[in-house]
Amino acid sequence: MTTPFRVTTGRLAAPVTDDDHIRGPATAPVTLVEYGDYQCPYCGMAHPVTQELLRQRPNVVRFVYRHFPLTNVHPFAEVAAETAEAAGARQRFWQMHDWLFEHQDEFDPVHLAAGVEEVGLPVDEVVQEVNAHVYLDRIRRDFVSGARSGVNGTPTFFINGLRHEGGYSLPELLVAVDQAATVPA
C-alpha cells in the first residue's frame, strides 16, 4: 500500500534524520533546513550567508541541506546534485557542496571533473556513478520531501520544522535563528 501524497504547507514534512547532510552540532537548539538547487543563482547568493550564519552561531545552528533541483529551468542542477552525492558517499559532501556553489557557472563535464579532482575524489569512479544515476533516488527523495513540505522554489528554508517566510539575508536569518533559539522546544 502506498502513502497518499500530501502537501504540508508551512511545516517540514520529513523530519531530519542521520541520512541528511548536516553541518553543526546535534545539540544545537536551531535546525535550519535548506531545500536548494546548485544551479539556482539565489541559492548561490544564499550559500555564503548560511556559511557566515554557521560561523557566527556555531553552537546554535545545525544546518541541513536537501536537494531540490529545478531541472526545468536549471538543466545541470540534477547532475550537480548527483556529483555532491557521489562525494558524500566518500565523506566529502560538504567540500563538493561548497565547490559547486562557488563554481555555479562551471557545470559542464570538464569543469565538474576538475572540481571532483580538486576535492580529492576519484574522477573516473564519480563520473561513472553520476552517469549511471547511482544517487538519483536520494535526490528524488529529498525533492519529494520538499514538495510535500510545500517547497515550490529555491532556496526555501525551514527553521525548527517551520517554513521561514522571511528573506535570507544574513541579518534576517540571524534574527530568525536567534528568535527560534529562545523558544522552548
N, C-alpha and C. Protein backbone atom coordinates (compact mmCIF):
# COMPACT_ATOMS: atom_id res chain seq x y z
N MET A 1 0.84 -1.18 0.00
CA MET A 1 0.00 0.00 0.00
C MET A 1 0.89 1.24 0.00
N THR A 2 0.57 2.19 -0.85
CA THR A 2 1.36 3.42 -0.91
C THR A 2 0.72 4.50 -0.07
N THR A 3 1.56 5.38 0.42
CA THR A 3 1.08 6.51 1.19
C THR A 3 0.60 7.58 0.23
N PRO A 4 -0.58 8.16 0.46
CA PRO A 4 -1.04 9.23 -0.43
C PRO A 4 -0.11 10.43 -0.33
N PHE A 5 0.03 11.12 -1.44
CA PHE A 5 0.88 12.31 -1.49
C PHE A 5 0.13 13.46 -0.84
N ARG A 6 0.67 13.96 0.27
CA ARG A 6 0.05 15.08 0.96
C ARG A 6 1.04 16.23 1.06
N VAL A 7 0.56 17.42 0.83
CA VAL A 7 1.39 18.61 0.96
C VAL A 7 1.11 19.24 2.31
N THR A 8 2.18 19.49 3.05
CA THR A 8 2.07 20.13 4.35
C THR A 8 2.70 21.51 4.22
N THR A 9 1.91 22.51 3.95
CA THR A 9 2.49 23.85 3.78
C THR A 9 2.84 24.43 5.14
N GLY A 10 3.98 25.06 5.18
CA GLY A 10 4.40 25.73 6.39
C GLY A 10 5.18 24.85 7.35
N ARG A 11 5.12 23.53 7.18
CA ARG A 11 5.83 22.61 8.07
C ARG A 11 6.70 21.66 7.26
N LEU A 12 7.79 21.27 7.86
CA LEU A 12 8.68 20.30 7.25
C LEU A 12 8.01 18.93 7.32
N ALA A 13 7.75 18.33 6.17
CA ALA A 13 7.03 17.06 6.13
C ALA A 13 7.91 15.88 6.52
N ALA A 14 9.19 15.94 6.22
CA ALA A 14 10.11 14.84 6.54
C ALA A 14 11.09 15.30 7.61
N PRO A 15 11.06 14.69 8.78
CA PRO A 15 11.97 15.12 9.84
C PRO A 15 13.43 14.89 9.46
N VAL A 16 14.30 15.64 10.08
CA VAL A 16 15.73 15.49 9.86
C VAL A 16 16.18 14.16 10.49
N THR A 17 16.97 13.41 9.72
CA THR A 17 17.49 12.13 10.20
C THR A 17 18.99 12.07 9.97
N ASP A 18 19.59 10.99 10.41
CA ASP A 18 21.03 10.79 10.20
C ASP A 18 21.38 10.63 8.73
N ASP A 19 20.39 10.36 7.87
CA ASP A 19 20.63 10.24 6.44
C ASP A 19 20.81 11.60 5.77
N ASP A 20 20.43 12.67 6.45
CA ASP A 20 20.57 14.01 5.89
C ASP A 20 22.02 14.46 5.92
N HIS A 21 22.32 15.48 5.12
CA HIS A 21 23.64 16.12 5.14
C HIS A 21 23.55 17.25 6.16
N ILE A 22 24.33 17.12 7.23
CA ILE A 22 24.21 18.01 8.38
C ILE A 22 25.56 18.62 8.73
N ARG A 23 25.54 19.94 8.96
CA ARG A 23 26.69 20.68 9.49
C ARG A 23 26.25 21.27 10.82
N GLY A 24 27.09 21.17 11.81
CA GLY A 24 26.77 21.76 13.11
C GLY A 24 26.42 20.70 14.12
N PRO A 25 26.39 21.10 15.39
CA PRO A 25 26.18 20.13 16.47
C PRO A 25 24.75 19.61 16.55
N ALA A 26 24.64 18.34 16.87
CA ALA A 26 23.33 17.70 17.04
C ALA A 26 22.56 18.34 18.20
N THR A 27 23.27 18.95 19.13
CA THR A 27 22.64 19.57 20.30
C THR A 27 22.21 21.01 20.07
N ALA A 28 22.44 21.51 18.87
CA ALA A 28 22.07 22.91 18.58
C ALA A 28 20.57 23.11 18.79
N PRO A 29 20.18 24.23 19.37
CA PRO A 29 18.76 24.47 19.61
C PRO A 29 17.98 24.81 18.32
N VAL A 30 18.69 25.14 17.24
CA VAL A 30 18.03 25.52 16.00
C VAL A 30 18.52 24.62 14.87
N THR A 31 17.57 24.07 14.13
CA THR A 31 17.89 23.31 12.93
C THR A 31 17.36 24.10 11.74
N LEU A 32 18.28 24.46 10.86
CA LEU A 32 17.95 25.21 9.65
C LEU A 32 18.07 24.25 8.47
N VAL A 33 16.96 23.99 7.81
CA VAL A 33 16.94 23.11 6.64
C VAL A 33 16.79 23.97 5.39
N GLU A 34 17.67 23.74 4.43
CA GLU A 34 17.55 24.44 3.14
C GLU A 34 17.25 23.42 2.06
N TYR A 35 16.22 23.71 1.28
CA TYR A 35 15.99 22.98 0.03
C TYR A 35 16.61 23.85 -1.05
N GLY A 36 17.61 23.29 -1.74
CA GLY A 36 18.35 24.09 -2.69
C GLY A 36 18.64 23.39 -3.99
N ASP A 37 19.14 24.19 -4.92
CA ASP A 37 19.43 23.78 -6.29
C ASP A 37 20.80 24.39 -6.61
N TYR A 38 21.77 23.54 -6.94
CA TYR A 38 23.13 24.03 -7.16
C TYR A 38 23.27 25.01 -8.31
N GLN A 39 22.35 25.00 -9.24
CA GLN A 39 22.44 25.92 -10.38
C GLN A 39 21.62 27.19 -10.16
N CYS A 40 20.85 27.25 -9.11
CA CYS A 40 19.99 28.41 -8.82
C CYS A 40 20.85 29.59 -8.36
N PRO A 41 20.75 30.73 -9.04
CA PRO A 41 21.56 31.88 -8.62
C PRO A 41 21.19 32.39 -7.23
N TYR A 42 19.94 32.24 -6.83
CA TYR A 42 19.52 32.69 -5.50
C TYR A 42 20.11 31.78 -4.41
N CYS A 43 20.18 30.49 -4.71
CA CYS A 43 20.85 29.57 -3.78
C CYS A 43 22.34 29.90 -3.70
N GLY A 44 22.90 30.28 -4.84
CA GLY A 44 24.30 30.71 -4.86
C GLY A 44 24.53 31.92 -3.97
N MET A 45 23.58 32.85 -3.96
CA MET A 45 23.69 34.03 -3.10
C MET A 45 23.47 33.66 -1.63
N ALA A 46 22.63 32.67 -1.38
CA ALA A 46 22.35 32.25 0.00
C ALA A 46 23.50 31.45 0.60
N HIS A 47 24.29 30.80 -0.25
CA HIS A 47 25.37 29.93 0.26
C HIS A 47 26.34 30.65 1.20
N PRO A 48 26.94 31.78 0.83
CA PRO A 48 27.85 32.44 1.77
C PRO A 48 27.12 32.95 3.01
N VAL A 49 25.84 33.21 2.89
CA VAL A 49 25.05 33.66 4.04
C VAL A 49 24.93 32.52 5.06
N THR A 50 24.60 31.32 4.59
CA THR A 50 24.48 30.19 5.52
C THR A 50 25.84 29.86 6.14
N GLN A 51 26.91 29.99 5.35
CA GLN A 51 28.25 29.75 5.90
C GLN A 51 28.57 30.75 7.02
N GLU A 52 28.25 32.01 6.78
CA GLU A 52 28.51 33.04 7.79
C GLU A 52 27.61 32.84 9.01
N LEU A 53 26.38 32.44 8.78
CA LEU A 53 25.46 32.16 9.88
C LEU A 53 26.05 31.06 10.78
N LEU A 54 26.56 30.00 10.16
CA LEU A 54 27.18 28.92 10.94
C LEU A 54 28.43 29.40 11.66
N ARG A 55 29.17 30.29 11.03
CA ARG A 55 30.37 30.84 11.68
C ARG A 55 30.00 31.69 12.89
N GLN A 56 28.94 32.50 12.75
CA GLN A 56 28.55 33.39 13.84
C GLN A 56 27.76 32.69 14.95
N ARG A 57 27.10 31.60 14.61
CA ARG A 57 26.28 30.87 15.59
C ARG A 57 26.66 29.38 15.61
N PRO A 58 27.95 29.08 15.90
CA PRO A 58 28.43 27.70 15.76
C PRO A 58 27.75 26.70 16.69
N ASN A 59 27.32 27.13 17.85
CA ASN A 59 26.68 26.20 18.79
C ASN A 59 25.17 26.34 18.81
N VAL A 60 24.65 27.22 17.98
CA VAL A 60 23.21 27.49 17.96
C VAL A 60 22.52 26.83 16.77
N VAL A 61 23.24 26.72 15.64
CA VAL A 61 22.61 26.26 14.40
C VAL A 61 23.18 24.93 13.92
N ARG A 62 22.26 24.05 13.58
CA ARG A 62 22.58 22.81 12.87
C ARG A 62 21.96 23.00 11.49
N PHE A 63 22.79 22.93 10.45
CA PHE A 63 22.35 23.20 9.08
C PHE A 63 22.20 21.90 8.31
N VAL A 64 21.07 21.79 7.61
CA VAL A 64 20.77 20.60 6.81
C VAL A 64 20.52 21.05 5.38
N TYR A 65 21.18 20.38 4.44
CA TYR A 65 20.96 20.70 3.03
C TYR A 65 20.23 19.53 2.37
N ARG A 66 19.14 19.86 1.66
CA ARG A 66 18.38 18.88 0.89
C ARG A 66 18.28 19.35 -0.55
N HIS A 67 18.35 18.40 -1.45
CA HIS A 67 18.32 18.70 -2.88
C HIS A 67 16.90 19.01 -3.36
N PHE A 68 16.79 20.05 -4.17
CA PHE A 68 15.53 20.40 -4.82
C PHE A 68 15.87 20.95 -6.21
N PRO A 69 16.45 20.09 -7.07
CA PRO A 69 16.87 20.58 -8.39
C PRO A 69 15.68 20.93 -9.28
N LEU A 70 15.66 22.15 -9.75
CA LEU A 70 14.59 22.62 -10.63
C LEU A 70 15.05 22.40 -12.08
N THR A 71 14.94 21.18 -12.52
CA THR A 71 15.53 20.77 -13.80
C THR A 71 14.87 21.44 -15.00
N ASN A 72 13.65 21.92 -14.85
CA ASN A 72 13.00 22.59 -15.98
C ASN A 72 13.63 23.95 -16.29
N VAL A 73 14.29 24.56 -15.30
CA VAL A 73 14.97 25.84 -15.54
C VAL A 73 16.49 25.76 -15.34
N HIS A 74 16.95 24.73 -14.67
CA HIS A 74 18.38 24.54 -14.40
C HIS A 74 18.79 23.14 -14.86
N PRO A 75 19.15 23.00 -16.12
CA PRO A 75 19.40 21.67 -16.69
C PRO A 75 20.57 20.90 -16.08
N PHE A 76 21.49 21.57 -15.40
CA PHE A 76 22.64 20.87 -14.82
C PHE A 76 22.49 20.66 -13.31
N ALA A 77 21.38 21.10 -12.74
CA ALA A 77 21.20 21.02 -11.29
C ALA A 77 21.19 19.58 -10.78
N GLU A 78 20.56 18.69 -11.52
CA GLU A 78 20.49 17.30 -11.08
C GLU A 78 21.86 16.62 -11.16
N VAL A 79 22.60 16.88 -12.22
CA VAL A 79 23.96 16.32 -12.35
C VAL A 79 24.84 16.85 -11.22
N ALA A 80 24.69 18.11 -10.89
CA ALA A 80 25.47 18.69 -9.79
C ALA A 80 25.09 18.01 -8.47
N ALA A 81 23.80 17.79 -8.24
CA ALA A 81 23.35 17.10 -7.02
C ALA A 81 23.88 15.68 -6.97
N GLU A 82 23.87 15.00 -8.11
CA GLU A 82 24.41 13.64 -8.15
C GLU A 82 25.91 13.64 -7.85
N THR A 83 26.61 14.64 -8.33
CA THR A 83 28.04 14.76 -8.05
C THR A 83 28.27 14.97 -6.56
N ALA A 84 27.45 15.81 -5.94
CA ALA A 84 27.55 16.04 -4.49
C ALA A 84 27.29 14.75 -3.73
N GLU A 85 26.32 13.98 -4.18
CA GLU A 85 26.01 12.71 -3.51
C GLU A 85 27.14 11.70 -3.68
N ALA A 86 27.75 11.66 -4.85
CA ALA A 86 28.90 10.77 -5.05
C ALA A 86 30.03 11.16 -4.10
N ALA A 87 30.21 12.45 -3.91
CA ALA A 87 31.21 12.93 -2.96
C ALA A 87 30.80 12.55 -1.54
N GLY A 88 29.51 12.66 -1.25
CA GLY A 88 29.01 12.29 0.08
C GLY A 88 29.23 10.83 0.41
N ALA A 89 29.15 9.97 -0.60
CA ALA A 89 29.42 8.55 -0.38
C ALA A 89 30.86 8.32 0.03
N ARG A 90 31.70 9.32 -0.18
CA ARG A 90 33.12 9.25 0.16
C ARG A 90 33.47 10.25 1.28
N GLN A 91 32.47 10.65 2.05
CA GLN A 91 32.62 11.58 3.16
C GLN A 91 33.18 12.94 2.74
N ARG A 92 32.82 13.38 1.54
CA ARG A 92 33.28 14.69 1.05
C ARG A 92 32.11 15.54 0.54
N PHE A 93 30.93 15.27 1.07
CA PHE A 93 29.75 16.01 0.59
C PHE A 93 29.95 17.51 0.71
N TRP A 94 30.34 17.98 1.91
CA TRP A 94 30.39 19.43 2.14
C TRP A 94 31.46 20.10 1.32
N GLN A 95 32.57 19.43 1.06
CA GLN A 95 33.61 20.01 0.21
C GLN A 95 33.08 20.19 -1.22
N MET A 96 32.36 19.16 -1.72
CA MET A 96 31.81 19.25 -3.07
C MET A 96 30.67 20.27 -3.12
N HIS A 97 29.84 20.27 -2.09
CA HIS A 97 28.74 21.23 -1.96
C HIS A 97 29.27 22.66 -2.08
N ASP A 98 30.31 22.96 -1.33
CA ASP A 98 30.89 24.31 -1.36
C ASP A 98 31.47 24.60 -2.75
N TRP A 99 32.18 23.63 -3.31
CA TRP A 99 32.78 23.83 -4.64
C TRP A 99 31.69 24.13 -5.67
N LEU A 100 30.60 23.39 -5.63
CA LEU A 100 29.52 23.59 -6.60
C LEU A 100 28.94 25.00 -6.51
N PHE A 101 28.71 25.47 -5.30
CA PHE A 101 28.16 26.82 -5.16
C PHE A 101 29.18 27.89 -5.54
N GLU A 102 30.44 27.61 -5.34
CA GLU A 102 31.47 28.59 -5.67
C GLU A 102 31.81 28.59 -7.16
N HIS A 103 31.32 27.60 -7.90
CA HIS A 103 31.61 27.47 -9.33
C HIS A 103 30.34 27.20 -10.13
N GLN A 104 29.28 27.93 -9.83
CA GLN A 104 27.98 27.68 -10.47
C GLN A 104 28.00 27.78 -11.99
N ASP A 105 28.92 28.53 -12.53
CA ASP A 105 28.97 28.69 -13.99
C ASP A 105 29.87 27.66 -14.65
N GLU A 106 30.27 26.62 -13.90
CA GLU A 106 31.21 25.62 -14.41
C GLU A 106 30.67 24.20 -14.26
N PHE A 107 29.47 23.96 -14.73
CA PHE A 107 28.85 22.65 -14.56
C PHE A 107 28.97 21.76 -15.79
N ASP A 108 29.76 22.17 -16.77
CA ASP A 108 29.99 21.29 -17.92
C ASP A 108 30.86 20.12 -17.43
N PRO A 109 30.88 19.01 -18.18
CA PRO A 109 31.61 17.82 -17.71
C PRO A 109 33.09 18.05 -17.38
N VAL A 110 33.78 18.86 -18.16
CA VAL A 110 35.22 19.10 -17.92
C VAL A 110 35.43 19.80 -16.58
N HIS A 111 34.65 20.86 -16.33
CA HIS A 111 34.82 21.60 -15.08
C HIS A 111 34.36 20.78 -13.87
N LEU A 112 33.26 20.04 -14.02
CA LEU A 112 32.80 19.20 -12.91
C LEU A 112 33.87 18.17 -12.56
N ALA A 113 34.48 17.56 -13.57
CA ALA A 113 35.54 16.58 -13.32
C ALA A 113 36.71 17.25 -12.59
N ALA A 114 37.04 18.48 -12.99
CA ALA A 114 38.11 19.21 -12.31
C ALA A 114 37.75 19.48 -10.85
N GLY A 115 36.49 19.81 -10.61
CA GLY A 115 36.03 20.03 -9.23
C GLY A 115 36.10 18.76 -8.40
N VAL A 116 35.71 17.65 -8.99
CA VAL A 116 35.78 16.36 -8.30
C VAL A 116 37.23 16.06 -7.92
N GLU A 117 38.13 16.30 -8.86
CA GLU A 117 39.55 16.08 -8.58
C GLU A 117 40.05 17.05 -7.52
N GLU A 118 39.60 18.29 -7.59
CA GLU A 118 40.05 19.32 -6.64
C GLU A 118 39.68 18.97 -5.20
N VAL A 119 38.53 18.32 -5.00
CA VAL A 119 38.15 17.93 -3.63
C VAL A 119 38.70 16.56 -3.25
N GLY A 120 39.55 16.00 -4.12
CA GLY A 120 40.27 14.78 -3.77
C GLY A 120 39.53 13.48 -4.01
N LEU A 121 38.67 13.46 -5.02
CA LEU A 121 37.89 12.26 -5.30
C LEU A 121 38.35 11.59 -6.59
N PRO A 122 38.11 10.30 -6.72
CA PRO A 122 38.49 9.59 -7.95
C PRO A 122 37.55 9.97 -9.10
N VAL A 123 38.05 10.72 -10.04
CA VAL A 123 37.23 11.29 -11.11
C VAL A 123 36.49 10.21 -11.90
N ASP A 124 37.20 9.19 -12.33
CA ASP A 124 36.56 8.16 -13.17
C ASP A 124 35.41 7.47 -12.44
N GLU A 125 35.62 7.15 -11.17
CA GLU A 125 34.57 6.49 -10.38
C GLU A 125 33.34 7.40 -10.23
N VAL A 126 33.58 8.65 -9.88
CA VAL A 126 32.47 9.59 -9.67
C VAL A 126 31.71 9.81 -10.97
N VAL A 127 32.42 10.02 -12.07
CA VAL A 127 31.76 10.23 -13.36
C VAL A 127 30.92 9.01 -13.73
N GLN A 128 31.47 7.82 -13.50
CA GLN A 128 30.73 6.60 -13.81
C GLN A 128 29.45 6.52 -12.96
N GLU A 129 29.53 6.82 -11.68
CA GLU A 129 28.36 6.77 -10.80
C GLU A 129 27.33 7.82 -11.19
N VAL A 130 27.78 9.02 -11.53
CA VAL A 130 26.85 10.07 -11.94
C VAL A 130 26.16 9.68 -13.24
N ASN A 131 26.92 9.16 -14.19
CA ASN A 131 26.33 8.74 -15.47
C ASN A 131 25.35 7.58 -15.30
N ALA A 132 25.57 6.74 -14.30
CA ALA A 132 24.68 5.62 -14.02
C ALA A 132 23.53 6.02 -13.09
N HIS A 133 23.50 7.26 -12.65
CA HIS A 133 22.45 7.80 -11.76
C HIS A 133 22.33 6.98 -10.48
N VAL A 134 23.47 6.60 -9.92
CA VAL A 134 23.50 5.80 -8.70
C VAL A 134 22.79 6.49 -7.54
N TYR A 135 22.85 7.80 -7.48
CA TYR A 135 22.31 8.55 -6.33
C TYR A 135 21.01 9.29 -6.63
N LEU A 136 20.43 9.03 -7.77
CA LEU A 136 19.23 9.76 -8.18
C LEU A 136 18.04 9.51 -7.24
N ASP A 137 17.92 8.29 -6.71
CA ASP A 137 16.82 8.03 -5.77
C ASP A 137 16.92 8.92 -4.54
N ARG A 138 18.13 9.14 -4.06
CA ARG A 138 18.34 10.00 -2.89
C ARG A 138 17.89 11.43 -3.19
N ILE A 139 18.26 11.91 -4.36
CA ILE A 139 17.91 13.27 -4.76
C ILE A 139 16.40 13.39 -4.91
N ARG A 140 15.79 12.40 -5.50
CA ARG A 140 14.33 12.43 -5.67
C ARG A 140 13.61 12.34 -4.33
N ARG A 141 14.17 11.60 -3.38
CA ARG A 141 13.57 11.53 -2.05
C ARG A 141 13.57 12.91 -1.40
N ASP A 142 14.71 13.62 -1.51
CA ASP A 142 14.77 15.00 -0.99
C ASP A 142 13.74 15.87 -1.69
N PHE A 143 13.68 15.75 -3.01
CA PHE A 143 12.75 16.58 -3.79
C PHE A 143 11.30 16.35 -3.36
N VAL A 144 10.92 15.09 -3.23
CA VAL A 144 9.55 14.76 -2.82
C VAL A 144 9.27 15.27 -1.42
N SER A 145 10.25 15.16 -0.51
CA SER A 145 10.02 15.68 0.84
C SER A 145 9.82 17.19 0.80
N GLY A 146 10.55 17.86 -0.10
CA GLY A 146 10.35 19.30 -0.25
C GLY A 146 8.98 19.62 -0.81
N ALA A 147 8.57 18.90 -1.84
CA ALA A 147 7.25 19.13 -2.43
C ALA A 147 6.16 18.90 -1.38
N ARG A 148 6.32 17.88 -0.58
CA ARG A 148 5.33 17.59 0.48
C ARG A 148 5.32 18.67 1.55
N SER A 149 6.44 19.37 1.67
CA SER A 149 6.54 20.46 2.65
C SER A 149 6.09 21.80 2.06
N GLY A 150 5.66 21.78 0.81
CA GLY A 150 5.18 23.00 0.17
C GLY A 150 6.25 23.80 -0.53
N VAL A 151 7.44 23.23 -0.72
CA VAL A 151 8.51 23.94 -1.41
C VAL A 151 8.14 24.04 -2.89
N ASN A 152 8.25 25.24 -3.44
CA ASN A 152 7.98 25.43 -4.86
C ASN A 152 9.03 26.30 -5.55
N GLY A 153 10.08 26.61 -4.82
CA GLY A 153 11.18 27.39 -5.37
C GLY A 153 12.39 27.26 -4.47
N THR A 154 13.51 27.74 -4.96
CA THR A 154 14.73 27.64 -4.17
C THR A 154 15.41 29.00 -4.04
N PRO A 155 16.08 29.24 -2.93
CA PRO A 155 16.13 28.38 -1.75
C PRO A 155 14.87 28.53 -0.90
N THR A 156 14.51 27.46 -0.22
CA THR A 156 13.45 27.51 0.77
C THR A 156 14.03 26.99 2.07
N PHE A 157 13.82 27.75 3.13
CA PHE A 157 14.36 27.42 4.44
C PHE A 157 13.26 27.05 5.42
N PHE A 158 13.60 26.13 6.32
CA PHE A 158 12.74 25.76 7.44
C PHE A 158 13.58 25.91 8.70
N ILE A 159 13.01 26.54 9.70
CA ILE A 159 13.69 26.74 10.98
C ILE A 159 12.91 25.98 12.03
N ASN A 160 13.58 25.00 12.61
CA ASN A 160 12.94 24.11 13.60
C ASN A 160 11.61 23.56 13.08
N GLY A 161 11.62 23.17 11.82
CA GLY A 161 10.47 22.49 11.22
C GLY A 161 9.41 23.40 10.64
N LEU A 162 9.55 24.72 10.83
CA LEU A 162 8.57 25.67 10.29
C LEU A 162 9.18 26.45 9.14
N ARG A 163 8.39 26.64 8.09
CA ARG A 163 8.88 27.36 6.92
C ARG A 163 9.23 28.80 7.30
N HIS A 164 10.42 29.23 6.90
CA HIS A 164 10.86 30.60 7.12
C HIS A 164 10.30 31.44 5.98
N GLU A 165 9.43 32.34 6.31
CA GLU A 165 8.76 33.16 5.29
C GLU A 165 9.50 34.45 4.99
N GLY A 166 10.52 34.76 5.76
CA GLY A 166 11.28 35.98 5.54
C GLY A 166 12.35 35.80 4.49
N GLY A 167 13.17 36.82 4.36
CA GLY A 167 14.27 36.77 3.41
C GLY A 167 15.42 35.93 3.94
N TYR A 168 16.45 35.83 3.13
CA TYR A 168 17.59 35.02 3.55
C TYR A 168 18.89 35.83 3.54
N SER A 169 18.76 37.11 3.84
CA SER A 169 19.98 37.90 4.07
C SER A 169 20.51 37.49 5.45
N LEU A 170 21.77 37.78 5.71
CA LEU A 170 22.34 37.41 6.99
C LEU A 170 21.59 38.06 8.16
N PRO A 171 21.29 39.36 8.13
CA PRO A 171 20.56 39.93 9.26
C PRO A 171 19.19 39.26 9.48
N GLU A 172 18.48 38.96 8.38
CA GLU A 172 17.16 38.34 8.53
C GLU A 172 17.27 36.93 9.12
N LEU A 173 18.24 36.16 8.65
CA LEU A 173 18.39 34.81 9.19
C LEU A 173 18.91 34.82 10.62
N LEU A 174 19.79 35.77 10.94
CA LEU A 174 20.26 35.87 12.32
C LEU A 174 19.10 36.15 13.27
N VAL A 175 18.23 37.07 12.92
CA VAL A 175 17.08 37.39 13.76
C VAL A 175 16.18 36.16 13.91
N ALA A 176 15.90 35.48 12.80
CA ALA A 176 15.02 34.31 12.83
C ALA A 176 15.63 33.19 13.67
N VAL A 177 16.92 32.96 13.52
CA VAL A 177 17.61 31.91 14.28
C VAL A 177 17.65 32.27 15.76
N ASP A 178 17.99 33.52 16.07
CA ASP A 178 18.04 33.94 17.47
C ASP A 178 16.67 33.83 18.13
N GLN A 179 15.62 34.19 17.41
CA GLN A 179 14.26 34.06 17.97
C GLN A 179 13.92 32.60 18.20
N ALA A 180 14.24 31.74 17.24
CA ALA A 180 13.94 30.31 17.37
C ALA A 180 14.73 29.69 18.52
N ALA A 181 15.93 30.18 18.77
CA ALA A 181 16.76 29.63 19.83
C ALA A 181 16.19 29.92 21.22
N THR A 182 15.35 30.96 21.32
CA THR A 182 14.78 31.32 22.62
C THR A 182 13.42 30.68 22.87
N VAL A 183 12.86 30.02 21.86
CA VAL A 183 11.56 29.38 22.01
C VAL A 183 11.78 27.98 22.59
N PRO A 184 11.09 27.66 23.68
CA PRO A 184 11.26 26.32 24.26
C PRO A 184 10.82 25.24 23.27
N ALA A 185 11.57 24.14 23.25
CA ALA A 185 11.27 23.04 22.32
C ALA A 185 9.99 22.32 22.67
